[in-house]
Amino acid sequence: MLEALASALQAEISRQDLPPGVTLQVGRAVAHTGTPAVEGYRPLVRQGEPHLDLEARVDDPASATNRRAIYVASATNLQNQFALVLLDTGSGSRLDVRLRDVRPALTPAMTFRLQWWARRILAEMLAAVREGAEQTLRNAGYKG
């Protein structure tokens, strides 16, 4: 699931026409602090939770950064129609996933949902760094 989302994020990043000094990055990581708590869900593994790290950054003098992580958790109740959930720590948004949408392979509908969610996350991140960069420039006296 994380691999599919990482691919969707990378594809969306490659389509961006970013100005010089603005970067978007996605990377795979392993957390030792655990998945954020979501009622009715648990981490997939007990230690070393795999996740995606995302970063949007604007270089100096308009320095601004937005970081977030995306985790996947599984339902504690086997009767839950959404067996998995993707969690965005930056915005608190989540993407509920049915097991039949990912096994034995991603369905076209799930692929579309992942692409849409990736676009939304990146748009939120770019808006946050734009706002942060504008504030940095105002504080430095560059903008009125």
Foldseek 3Di string as FASTA:
>chain_A
DQVLLQVLLVVVQVPDPDDPQKDKDKDKFWDQVADPDDPQWHQPDDGRFIWMKIKIFGDPPLTDMDIWIKGKTAGPDPVDQQGMKIAIRRPRDIDGHGPVCCPPHHDPVNSVVSNVVSVVVVVVRVVRSVVSSVVSCVVVVNHD
